[in-house]
């Protein structure tokens, strides 16, 4: 690929990611800019490195085999303020706790969630379903055939994860008991 053409294609990929409200697959991007998928991946990776190196507020990420332009984490407070002004709302503590359990234990049933949390999870599950952060993944065999819940692509996008393997290890969240409370 000629250098001039290469830069033009890279710029075209950048524009497509900028204007798209959804992540785009390499196949879609390659087809639109009329290059091979391997070339598109190489250019997207170059763009991602360029965005990471520059002092701006944006970055390119790969999420579940798609690419998306998003904000760098350190600028999240500004975006949150914008959405608060517009009346957007974050997730409640109950919803975040429920979502964390689903993310790490999926597929999981409502009864298992309630056993772990120790409280009803109807409201948090409804919120997470409405926001498309979780979905029904099937039904467990056995009495009542309870619904199994798991995370969605929207969950990965929301948290900026390429896939579930990028979830932080659970050990990071465990709190050691102070010495005087053990016994």
N, C-alpha and C. Protein backbone atom coordinates (compact mmCIF):
# COMPACT_ATOMS: atom_id res chain seq x y z
N UNK A 1 0.85 -1.17 0.00
CA UNK A 1 0.00 0.00 0.00
C UNK A 1 0.90 1.23 0.00
N UNK A 2 0.70 2.14 -0.94
CA UNK A 2 1.50 3.36 -1.04
C UNK A 2 1.30 4.22 0.20
N UNK A 3 2.35 4.97 0.58
CA UNK A 3 2.31 5.77 1.80
C UNK A 3 1.15 6.77 1.78
N UNK A 4 0.99 7.49 0.67
CA UNK A 4 -0.09 8.48 0.58
C UNK A 4 -1.45 7.81 0.70
N UNK A 5 -1.62 6.70 -0.03
CA UNK A 5 -2.88 5.96 0.01
C UNK A 5 -3.10 5.41 1.42
N UNK A 6 -2.03 4.91 2.04
CA UNK A 6 -2.09 4.35 3.39
C UNK A 6 -2.63 5.39 4.39
N UNK A 7 -2.10 6.60 4.34
CA UNK A 7 -2.54 7.67 5.24
C UNK A 7 -3.98 8.07 4.97
N UNK A 8 -4.36 8.06 3.70
CA UNK A 8 -5.74 8.40 3.34
C UNK A 8 -6.70 7.34 3.87
N UNK A 9 -6.34 6.08 3.74
CA UNK A 9 -7.19 4.99 4.24
C UNK A 9 -7.27 5.05 5.76
N UNK A 10 -6.14 5.32 6.41
CA UNK A 10 -6.14 5.43 7.87
C UNK A 10 -7.05 6.57 8.33
N UNK A 11 -6.99 7.69 7.61
CA UNK A 11 -7.86 8.83 7.93
C UNK A 11 -9.33 8.48 7.70
N UNK A 12 -9.61 7.72 6.67
CA UNK A 12 -10.99 7.30 6.39
C UNK A 12 -11.49 6.39 7.51
N UNK A 13 -10.66 5.48 7.98
CA UNK A 13 -11.03 4.61 9.09
C UNK A 13 -11.33 5.43 10.34
N UNK A 14 -10.48 6.42 10.59
CA UNK A 14 -10.66 7.31 11.74
C UNK A 14 -12.01 8.02 11.67
N UNK A 15 -12.35 8.54 10.50
CA UNK A 15 -13.62 9.26 10.31
C UNK A 15 -14.79 8.32 10.54
N UNK A 16 -14.72 7.13 10.00
CA UNK A 16 -15.82 6.17 10.17
C UNK A 16 -16.05 5.85 11.65
N UNK A 17 -14.96 5.65 12.39
CA UNK A 17 -15.09 5.35 13.82
C UNK A 17 -15.62 6.57 14.58
N UNK A 18 -15.24 7.75 14.14
CA UNK A 18 -15.69 8.98 14.79
C UNK A 18 -17.19 9.18 14.63
N UNK A 19 -17.70 8.96 13.44
CA UNK A 19 -19.11 9.25 13.18
C UNK A 19 -20.05 8.11 13.59
N UNK A 20 -19.51 6.93 13.80
CA UNK A 20 -20.37 5.80 14.14
C UNK A 20 -20.70 5.80 15.63
N UNK A 21 -21.96 5.59 15.94
CA UNK A 21 -22.38 5.51 17.35
C UNK A 21 -22.19 4.10 17.89
N UNK A 22 -21.90 3.16 17.02
CA UNK A 22 -21.71 1.77 17.40
C UNK A 22 -20.31 1.31 16.99
N UNK A 23 -19.77 0.32 17.69
CA UNK A 23 -18.49 -0.26 17.24
C UNK A 23 -18.66 -0.88 15.86
N UNK A 24 -17.59 -0.86 15.07
CA UNK A 24 -17.63 -1.40 13.72
C UNK A 24 -16.66 -2.56 13.59
N UNK A 25 -17.06 -3.60 12.88
CA UNK A 25 -16.18 -4.75 12.67
C UNK A 25 -15.12 -4.41 11.63
N UNK A 26 -14.03 -5.14 11.67
CA UNK A 26 -12.96 -4.95 10.69
C UNK A 26 -13.49 -5.22 9.28
N UNK A 27 -14.34 -6.23 9.16
CA UNK A 27 -14.88 -6.57 7.84
C UNK A 27 -15.69 -5.41 7.25
N UNK A 28 -16.51 -4.78 8.08
CA UNK A 28 -17.32 -3.64 7.61
C UNK A 28 -16.41 -2.49 7.23
N UNK A 29 -15.46 -2.17 8.10
CA UNK A 29 -14.54 -1.06 7.82
C UNK A 29 -13.73 -1.31 6.55
N UNK A 30 -13.18 -2.54 6.41
CA UNK A 30 -12.37 -2.87 5.24
C UNK A 30 -13.19 -2.76 3.96
N UNK A 31 -14.43 -3.21 4.02
CA UNK A 31 -15.29 -3.15 2.83
C UNK A 31 -15.56 -1.70 2.42
N UNK A 32 -15.84 -0.84 3.40
CA UNK A 32 -16.16 0.56 3.11
C UNK A 32 -14.96 1.29 2.52
N UNK A 33 -13.76 1.07 3.08
CA UNK A 33 -12.57 1.78 2.58
C UNK A 33 -11.86 1.02 1.47
N UNK A 34 -12.42 -0.14 1.11
CA UNK A 34 -11.94 -0.95 -0.02
C UNK A 34 -10.49 -1.39 0.12
N UNK A 35 -10.21 -2.03 1.28
CA UNK A 35 -8.90 -2.64 1.49
C UNK A 35 -9.11 -4.03 2.07
N UNK A 36 -8.06 -4.82 2.11
CA UNK A 36 -8.12 -6.15 2.73
C UNK A 36 -8.26 -6.00 4.24
N UNK A 37 -8.92 -6.96 4.86
CA UNK A 37 -9.15 -6.92 6.31
C UNK A 37 -7.83 -6.83 7.08
N UNK A 38 -6.81 -7.56 6.62
CA UNK A 38 -5.51 -7.55 7.30
C UNK A 38 -4.90 -6.14 7.29
N UNK A 39 -5.04 -5.44 6.15
CA UNK A 39 -4.53 -4.07 6.06
C UNK A 39 -5.31 -3.14 6.99
N UNK A 40 -6.62 -3.35 7.05
CA UNK A 40 -7.45 -2.52 7.93
C UNK A 40 -7.05 -2.72 9.39
N UNK A 41 -6.80 -3.97 9.79
CA UNK A 41 -6.38 -4.26 11.17
C UNK A 41 -5.07 -3.55 11.48
N UNK A 42 -4.13 -3.65 10.55
CA UNK A 42 -2.82 -3.01 10.74
C UNK A 42 -2.97 -1.49 10.91
N UNK A 43 -3.80 -0.88 10.09
CA UNK A 43 -4.01 0.57 10.17
C UNK A 43 -4.76 0.95 11.44
N UNK A 44 -5.72 0.16 11.85
CA UNK A 44 -6.46 0.42 13.09
C UNK A 44 -5.52 0.32 14.30
N UNK A 45 -4.64 -0.66 14.28
CA UNK A 45 -3.68 -0.79 15.38
C UNK A 45 -2.73 0.41 15.42
N UNK A 46 -2.31 0.88 14.26
CA UNK A 46 -1.46 2.08 14.20
C UNK A 46 -2.21 3.29 14.76
N UNK A 47 -3.46 3.43 14.35
CA UNK A 47 -4.28 4.54 14.85
C UNK A 47 -4.43 4.46 16.37
N UNK A 48 -4.66 3.26 16.89
CA UNK A 48 -4.82 3.08 18.34
C UNK A 48 -3.56 3.52 19.08
N UNK A 49 -2.39 3.17 18.54
CA UNK A 49 -1.13 3.58 19.15
C UNK A 49 -0.97 5.10 19.09
N UNK A 50 -1.32 5.69 17.95
CA UNK A 50 -1.23 7.15 17.80
C UNK A 50 -2.13 7.87 18.81
N UNK A 51 -3.35 7.38 18.97
CA UNK A 51 -4.27 8.00 19.92
C UNK A 51 -3.79 7.84 21.36
N UNK A 52 -3.21 6.70 21.66
CA UNK A 52 -2.69 6.48 23.02
C UNK A 52 -1.52 7.42 23.31
N UNK A 53 -0.68 7.66 22.30
CA UNK A 53 0.52 8.48 22.48
C UNK A 53 0.24 9.97 22.54
N UNK A 54 -0.83 10.42 21.91
CA UNK A 54 -1.09 11.87 21.86
C UNK A 54 -1.81 12.33 23.13
N UNK A 55 -1.68 13.61 23.45
CA UNK A 55 -2.26 14.12 24.71
C UNK A 55 -3.74 14.49 24.63
N UNK A 56 -4.50 13.86 23.79
CA UNK A 56 -5.92 14.18 23.66
C UNK A 56 -6.78 13.37 24.59
N UNK A 57 -8.08 13.51 24.45
CA UNK A 57 -9.01 12.84 25.33
C UNK A 57 -9.65 11.61 24.73
N UNK A 58 -9.26 11.23 23.51
CA UNK A 58 -9.87 10.09 22.84
C UNK A 58 -8.88 8.95 22.68
N UNK A 59 -9.44 7.76 22.52
CA UNK A 59 -8.62 6.59 22.21
C UNK A 59 -9.42 5.64 21.33
N UNK A 60 -8.74 4.74 20.67
CA UNK A 60 -9.39 3.70 19.86
C UNK A 60 -9.25 2.39 20.62
N UNK A 61 -10.35 1.66 20.71
CA UNK A 61 -10.29 0.38 21.40
C UNK A 61 -10.92 -0.70 20.54
N UNK A 62 -10.47 -1.92 20.79
CA UNK A 62 -11.06 -3.09 20.16
C UNK A 62 -11.94 -3.74 21.21
N UNK A 63 -13.20 -3.95 20.88
CA UNK A 63 -14.17 -4.54 21.80
C UNK A 63 -14.88 -5.68 21.09
N UNK A 64 -14.68 -6.89 21.59
CA UNK A 64 -15.37 -8.07 21.04
C UNK A 64 -15.28 -8.10 19.51
N UNK A 65 -14.08 -8.01 18.98
CA UNK A 65 -13.79 -8.08 17.55
C UNK A 65 -14.39 -6.93 16.73
N UNK A 66 -14.63 -5.81 17.41
CA UNK A 66 -15.06 -4.58 16.73
C UNK A 66 -14.17 -3.45 17.22
N UNK A 67 -14.21 -2.32 16.51
CA UNK A 67 -13.39 -1.16 16.88
C UNK A 67 -14.31 0.02 17.18
N UNK A 68 -13.87 0.86 18.12
CA UNK A 68 -14.68 2.00 18.52
C UNK A 68 -13.77 3.11 19.04
N UNK A 69 -14.20 4.35 18.77
CA UNK A 69 -13.53 5.51 19.34
C UNK A 69 -14.25 5.84 20.65
N UNK A 70 -13.49 6.09 21.70
CA UNK A 70 -14.11 6.42 22.98
C UNK A 70 -13.19 7.37 23.76
N UNK A 71 -13.67 7.80 24.92
CA UNK A 71 -12.88 8.72 25.74
C UNK A 71 -11.87 7.96 26.58
N UNK A 72 -10.77 8.62 26.89
CA UNK A 72 -9.78 8.04 27.80
C UNK A 72 -10.39 8.06 29.21
N UNK A 73 -10.11 7.04 30.02
CA UNK A 73 -10.73 6.93 31.35
C UNK A 73 -10.54 8.15 32.24
N UNK A 74 -9.41 8.82 32.13
CA UNK A 74 -9.16 9.97 33.01
C UNK A 74 -10.09 11.15 32.74
N UNK A 75 -10.80 11.10 31.60
CA UNK A 75 -11.73 12.18 31.27
C UNK A 75 -13.18 11.80 31.55
N UNK A 76 -13.40 10.63 32.13
CA UNK A 76 -14.74 10.15 32.45
C UNK A 76 -15.52 11.13 33.34
N UNK A 77 -14.89 11.76 34.34
CA UNK A 77 -15.67 12.69 35.19
C UNK A 77 -16.33 13.81 34.39
N UNK A 78 -15.68 14.29 33.33
CA UNK A 78 -16.26 15.36 32.52
C UNK A 78 -17.47 14.85 31.73
N UNK A 79 -17.34 13.65 31.19
CA UNK A 79 -18.45 13.06 30.45
C UNK A 79 -19.62 12.80 31.39
N UNK A 80 -19.32 12.32 32.60
CA UNK A 80 -20.37 12.08 33.59
C UNK A 80 -21.11 13.37 33.93
N UNK A 81 -20.37 14.46 34.09
CA UNK A 81 -21.02 15.75 34.37
C UNK A 81 -21.93 16.18 33.23
N UNK A 82 -21.49 15.95 32.00
CA UNK A 82 -22.32 16.29 30.84
C UNK A 82 -23.62 15.50 30.89
N UNK A 83 -23.54 14.20 31.15
CA UNK A 83 -24.75 13.38 31.17
C UNK A 83 -25.63 13.70 32.37
N UNK A 84 -25.04 14.08 33.48
CA UNK A 84 -25.85 14.48 34.64
C UNK A 84 -26.63 15.75 34.32
N UNK A 85 -25.99 16.67 33.60
CA UNK A 85 -26.68 17.90 33.20
C UNK A 85 -27.84 17.59 32.26
N UNK A 86 -27.68 16.56 31.47
CA UNK A 86 -28.72 16.16 30.51
C UNK A 86 -29.77 15.27 31.17
N UNK A 87 -29.57 14.95 32.44
CA UNK A 87 -30.54 14.12 33.13
C UNK A 87 -30.26 12.63 33.04
N UNK A 88 -29.12 12.25 32.50
CA UNK A 88 -28.76 10.83 32.45
C UNK A 88 -28.43 10.34 33.85
N UNK A 89 -28.58 9.07 34.07
CA UNK A 89 -28.27 8.56 35.40
C UNK A 89 -27.38 7.35 35.30
N UNK A 90 -26.54 7.17 36.32
CA UNK A 90 -25.67 6.02 36.40
C UNK A 90 -26.43 4.84 36.97
N UNK A 91 -25.70 3.82 37.32
CA UNK A 91 -26.30 2.63 37.91
C UNK A 91 -26.31 2.75 39.43
N UNK A 92 -27.34 2.22 40.05
CA UNK A 92 -27.40 2.20 41.51
C UNK A 92 -26.37 1.21 42.04
N UNK A 93 -26.07 1.32 43.32
CA UNK A 93 -25.12 0.39 43.94
C UNK A 93 -25.63 -1.05 43.81
N UNK A 94 -26.93 -1.25 44.00
CA UNK A 94 -27.51 -2.59 43.88
C UNK A 94 -27.32 -3.14 42.46
N UNK A 95 -27.53 -2.28 41.46
CA UNK A 95 -27.36 -2.71 40.07
C UNK A 95 -25.90 -3.04 39.77
N UNK A 96 -24.98 -2.24 40.28
CA UNK A 96 -23.55 -2.50 40.06
C UNK A 96 -23.14 -3.80 40.73
N UNK A 97 -23.60 -4.03 41.95
CA UNK A 97 -23.27 -5.28 42.66
C UNK A 97 -23.82 -6.48 41.90
N UNK A 98 -25.06 -6.37 41.45
CA UNK A 98 -25.69 -7.46 40.71
C UNK A 98 -24.95 -7.70 39.40
N UNK A 99 -24.60 -6.63 38.71
CA UNK A 99 -23.87 -6.74 37.45
C UNK A 99 -22.51 -7.40 37.66
N UNK A 100 -21.83 -7.05 38.72
CA UNK A 100 -20.52 -7.64 39.01
C UNK A 100 -20.64 -9.15 39.22
N UNK A 101 -21.65 -9.55 39.97
CA UNK A 101 -21.86 -10.98 40.21
C UNK A 101 -22.13 -11.70 38.89
N UNK A 102 -22.98 -11.12 38.06
CA UNK A 102 -23.29 -11.73 36.77
C UNK A 102 -22.04 -11.82 35.92
N UNK A 103 -21.25 -10.75 35.88
CA UNK A 103 -20.04 -10.73 35.03
C UNK A 103 -19.07 -11.83 35.42
N UNK A 104 -18.88 -12.05 36.72
CA UNK A 104 -17.90 -13.02 37.18
C UNK A 104 -18.44 -14.44 37.29
N UNK A 105 -19.76 -14.62 37.43
CA UNK A 105 -20.31 -15.95 37.67
C UNK A 105 -21.16 -16.47 36.52
N UNK A 106 -21.31 -15.72 35.45
CA UNK A 106 -22.24 -16.09 34.39
C UNK A 106 -21.93 -17.45 33.79
N UNK A 107 -22.99 -18.14 33.33
CA UNK A 107 -24.40 -17.79 33.45
C UNK A 107 -24.89 -18.06 34.88
N UNK A 108 -25.78 -17.19 35.35
CA UNK A 108 -26.24 -17.27 36.73
C UNK A 108 -27.74 -17.01 36.78
N UNK A 109 -28.42 -17.66 37.73
CA UNK A 109 -29.87 -17.49 37.86
C UNK A 109 -30.19 -16.40 38.87
N UNK A 110 -31.43 -15.94 38.85
CA UNK A 110 -31.92 -14.94 39.81
C UNK A 110 -31.76 -15.46 41.24
N UNK A 111 -32.11 -16.74 41.46
CA UNK A 111 -32.00 -17.32 42.81
C UNK A 111 -30.55 -17.32 43.30
N UNK A 112 -29.61 -17.62 42.41
CA UNK A 112 -28.20 -17.60 42.79
C UNK A 112 -27.76 -16.17 43.13
N UNK A 113 -28.22 -15.20 42.36
CA UNK A 113 -27.90 -13.80 42.63
C UNK A 113 -28.44 -13.38 44.00
N UNK A 114 -29.67 -13.78 44.30
CA UNK A 114 -30.28 -13.42 45.58
C UNK A 114 -29.57 -14.10 46.74
N UNK A 115 -29.11 -15.33 46.52
CA UNK A 115 -28.37 -16.04 47.56
C UNK A 115 -27.04 -15.33 47.85
N UNK A 116 -26.37 -14.89 46.83
CA UNK A 116 -25.08 -14.20 47.00
C UNK A 116 -25.27 -12.82 47.62
N UNK A 117 -26.23 -12.05 47.12
CA UNK A 117 -26.45 -10.69 47.61
C UNK A 117 -27.22 -10.66 48.92
N UNK A 118 -28.05 -11.67 49.17
CA UNK A 118 -28.82 -11.71 50.40
C UNK A 118 -30.08 -10.87 50.36
N UNK A 119 -30.42 -10.36 49.19
CA UNK A 119 -31.64 -9.55 49.02
C UNK A 119 -32.24 -9.85 47.65
N UNK A 120 -33.48 -9.42 47.45
CA UNK A 120 -34.14 -9.57 46.15
C UNK A 120 -33.38 -8.77 45.08
N UNK A 121 -33.38 -9.27 43.86
CA UNK A 121 -32.65 -8.59 42.78
C UNK A 121 -33.56 -8.23 41.61
N UNK A 122 -34.87 -8.21 41.83
CA UNK A 122 -35.80 -7.91 40.74
C UNK A 122 -35.52 -6.55 40.10
N UNK A 123 -35.42 -5.53 40.92
CA UNK A 123 -35.21 -4.18 40.40
C UNK A 123 -33.86 -4.03 39.68
N UNK A 124 -32.74 -4.48 40.31
CA UNK A 124 -31.46 -4.37 39.59
C UNK A 124 -31.45 -5.14 38.27
N UNK A 125 -32.05 -6.33 38.26
CA UNK A 125 -32.07 -7.11 37.02
C UNK A 125 -32.87 -6.37 35.95
N UNK A 126 -34.02 -5.81 36.33
CA UNK A 126 -34.82 -5.07 35.35
C UNK A 126 -34.05 -3.88 34.79
N UNK A 127 -33.34 -3.15 35.66
CA UNK A 127 -32.53 -2.01 35.21
C UNK A 127 -31.46 -2.47 34.23
N UNK A 128 -30.76 -3.55 34.58
CA UNK A 128 -29.67 -4.05 33.74
C UNK A 128 -30.19 -4.57 32.40
N UNK A 129 -31.36 -5.19 32.42
CA UNK A 129 -31.97 -5.65 31.17
C UNK A 129 -32.38 -4.46 30.30
N UNK A 130 -32.98 -3.44 30.93
CA UNK A 130 -33.40 -2.23 30.19
C UNK A 130 -32.21 -1.53 29.55
N UNK A 131 -31.08 -1.54 30.24
CA UNK A 131 -29.88 -0.86 29.71
C UNK A 131 -29.07 -1.76 28.80
N UNK A 132 -29.57 -2.98 28.58
CA UNK A 132 -28.92 -3.94 27.69
C UNK A 132 -27.51 -4.32 28.16
N UNK A 133 -27.28 -4.29 29.47
CA UNK A 133 -25.99 -4.71 30.01
C UNK A 133 -25.96 -6.20 30.30
N UNK A 134 -27.15 -6.79 30.49
CA UNK A 134 -27.28 -8.23 30.65
C UNK A 134 -28.39 -8.72 29.74
N UNK A 135 -28.40 -10.04 29.53
CA UNK A 135 -29.45 -10.65 28.72
C UNK A 135 -29.67 -12.07 29.18
N UNK A 136 -30.79 -12.63 28.78
CA UNK A 136 -31.08 -14.03 29.06
C UNK A 136 -30.20 -14.88 28.15
N UNK A 137 -29.48 -15.84 28.76
CA UNK A 137 -28.56 -16.68 28.00
C UNK A 137 -29.11 -18.10 27.81
N UNK A 138 -30.31 -18.33 28.32
CA UNK A 138 -30.90 -19.66 28.21
C UNK A 138 -31.59 -20.01 29.51
N UNK A 139 -31.82 -21.31 29.71
CA UNK A 139 -32.47 -21.78 30.93
C UNK A 139 -31.71 -22.94 31.50
N UNK A 140 -31.63 -22.99 32.81
CA UNK A 140 -30.95 -24.08 33.51
C UNK A 140 -31.86 -25.30 33.50
N UNK A 141 -31.27 -26.47 33.33
CA UNK A 141 -32.04 -27.72 33.42
C UNK A 141 -32.45 -27.91 34.87
N UNK A 142 -33.60 -28.45 35.10
CA UNK A 142 -34.04 -28.73 36.46
C UNK A 142 -35.39 -28.11 36.73
N UNK A 143 -35.83 -28.21 38.00
CA UNK A 143 -37.16 -27.73 38.37
C UNK A 143 -37.34 -26.24 38.06
N UNK A 144 -38.42 -25.93 37.37
CA UNK A 144 -38.74 -24.54 37.06
C UNK A 144 -37.95 -23.96 35.90
N UNK A 145 -36.89 -24.66 35.47
CA UNK A 145 -36.02 -24.18 34.38
C UNK A 145 -35.76 -22.68 34.48
N UNK A 146 -35.04 -22.24 35.54
CA UNK A 146 -34.82 -20.80 35.75
C UNK A 146 -33.97 -20.17 34.64
N UNK A 147 -34.23 -18.89 34.40
CA UNK A 147 -33.50 -18.12 33.39
C UNK A 147 -32.05 -17.95 33.83
N UNK A 148 -31.14 -18.09 32.89
CA UNK A 148 -29.71 -17.84 33.12
C UNK A 148 -29.37 -16.47 32.54
N UNK A 149 -28.67 -15.64 33.32
CA UNK A 149 -28.29 -14.30 32.87
C UNK A 149 -26.79 -14.23 32.61
N UNK A 150 -26.44 -13.42 31.61
CA UNK A 150 -25.04 -13.16 31.29
C UNK A 150 -24.91 -11.75 30.75
N UNK A 151 -23.68 -11.31 30.58
CA UNK A 151 -23.43 -9.95 30.09
C UNK A 151 -23.56 -9.89 28.57
N UNK A 152 -23.64 -8.66 28.06
CA UNK A 152 -23.84 -8.41 26.63
C UNK A 152 -22.63 -7.68 26.03
N UNK A 153 -22.67 -7.48 24.72
CA UNK A 153 -21.68 -6.65 24.04
C UNK A 153 -21.73 -5.22 24.60
N UNK A 154 -22.94 -4.76 24.91
CA UNK A 154 -23.10 -3.42 25.48
C UNK A 154 -22.35 -3.30 26.81
N UNK A 155 -22.33 -4.38 27.60
CA UNK A 155 -21.57 -4.41 28.85
C UNK A 155 -20.09 -4.19 28.56
N UNK A 156 -19.56 -4.91 27.57
CA UNK A 156 -18.16 -4.76 27.20
C UNK A 156 -17.86 -3.33 26.77
N UNK A 157 -18.75 -2.76 25.96
CA UNK A 157 -18.57 -1.37 25.51
C UNK A 157 -18.61 -0.41 26.69
N UNK A 158 -19.59 -0.59 27.56
CA UNK A 158 -19.79 0.30 28.71
C UNK A 158 -18.54 0.38 29.58
N UNK A 159 -17.88 -0.78 29.74
CA UNK A 159 -16.70 -0.82 30.61
C UNK A 159 -15.38 -0.81 29.82
N UNK A 160 -15.46 -0.67 28.49
CA UNK A 160 -14.26 -0.57 27.68
C UNK A 160 -13.42 -1.83 27.67
N UNK A 161 -14.07 -2.98 27.64
CA UNK A 161 -13.36 -4.26 27.67
C UNK A 161 -13.37 -4.90 26.28
N UNK A 162 -12.26 -5.54 25.93
CA UNK A 162 -12.19 -6.26 24.66
C UNK A 162 -13.01 -7.55 24.77
N UNK A 163 -12.86 -8.22 25.91
CA UNK A 163 -13.64 -9.41 26.21
C UNK A 163 -13.62 -9.63 27.72
N UNK A 164 -14.30 -10.67 28.18
CA UNK A 164 -14.44 -10.89 29.63
C UNK A 164 -13.12 -11.22 30.31
N UNK A 165 -12.14 -11.69 29.56
CA UNK A 165 -10.84 -12.00 30.16
C UNK A 165 -10.16 -10.74 30.68
N UNK A 166 -10.62 -9.56 30.26
CA UNK A 166 -10.04 -8.30 30.73
C UNK A 166 -10.65 -7.81 32.03
N UNK A 167 -11.63 -8.54 32.58
CA UNK A 167 -12.15 -8.17 33.89
C UNK A 167 -11.01 -8.27 34.90
N UNK A 168 -10.92 -7.35 35.84
CA UNK A 168 -9.86 -7.45 36.84
C UNK A 168 -10.05 -8.71 37.68
N UNK A 169 -8.96 -9.32 38.16
CA UNK A 169 -9.11 -10.52 38.99
C UNK A 169 -9.91 -10.21 40.25
N UNK A 170 -10.74 -11.14 40.65
CA UNK A 170 -11.58 -10.95 41.84
C UNK A 170 -10.75 -10.66 43.09
N UNK A 171 -9.54 -11.19 43.13
CA UNK A 171 -8.67 -10.98 44.29
C UNK A 171 -8.44 -9.50 44.58
N UNK A 172 -8.51 -8.66 43.54
CA UNK A 172 -8.31 -7.22 43.72
C UNK A 172 -9.40 -6.60 44.59
N UNK A 173 -10.55 -7.26 44.69
CA UNK A 173 -11.67 -6.70 45.41
C UNK A 173 -11.84 -7.28 46.81
N UNK A 174 -11.06 -8.31 47.13
CA UNK A 174 -11.18 -8.92 48.44
C UNK A 174 -10.52 -8.03 49.48
N UNK A 175 -11.18 -7.88 50.61
CA UNK A 175 -10.67 -7.05 51.69
C UNK A 175 -10.20 -7.97 52.81
N UNK A 176 -8.94 -7.80 53.23
CA UNK A 176 -8.43 -8.60 54.33
C UNK A 176 -9.02 -8.10 55.64
N UNK A 177 -9.34 -9.05 56.53
CA UNK A 177 -9.83 -8.67 57.85
C UNK A 177 -8.66 -8.15 58.68
N UNK A 178 -8.90 -7.11 59.48
CA UNK A 178 -7.85 -6.66 60.40
C UNK A 178 -7.48 -7.79 61.35
N UNK A 179 -6.23 -7.84 61.79
CA UNK A 179 -5.74 -8.89 62.67
C UNK A 179 -6.58 -9.07 63.92
N UNK A 180 -7.05 -7.97 64.53
CA UNK A 180 -7.79 -8.07 65.80
C UNK A 180 -9.19 -8.64 65.63
N UNK A 181 -9.71 -8.74 64.38
CA UNK A 181 -11.05 -9.29 64.15
C UNK A 181 -11.00 -10.76 63.81
N UNK A 182 -9.81 -11.32 63.51
CA UNK A 182 -9.69 -12.74 63.18
C UNK A 182 -9.72 -13.55 64.46
N UNK A 183 -10.25 -14.75 64.42
CA UNK A 183 -10.27 -15.72 65.52
C UNK A 183 -11.42 -16.61 65.42
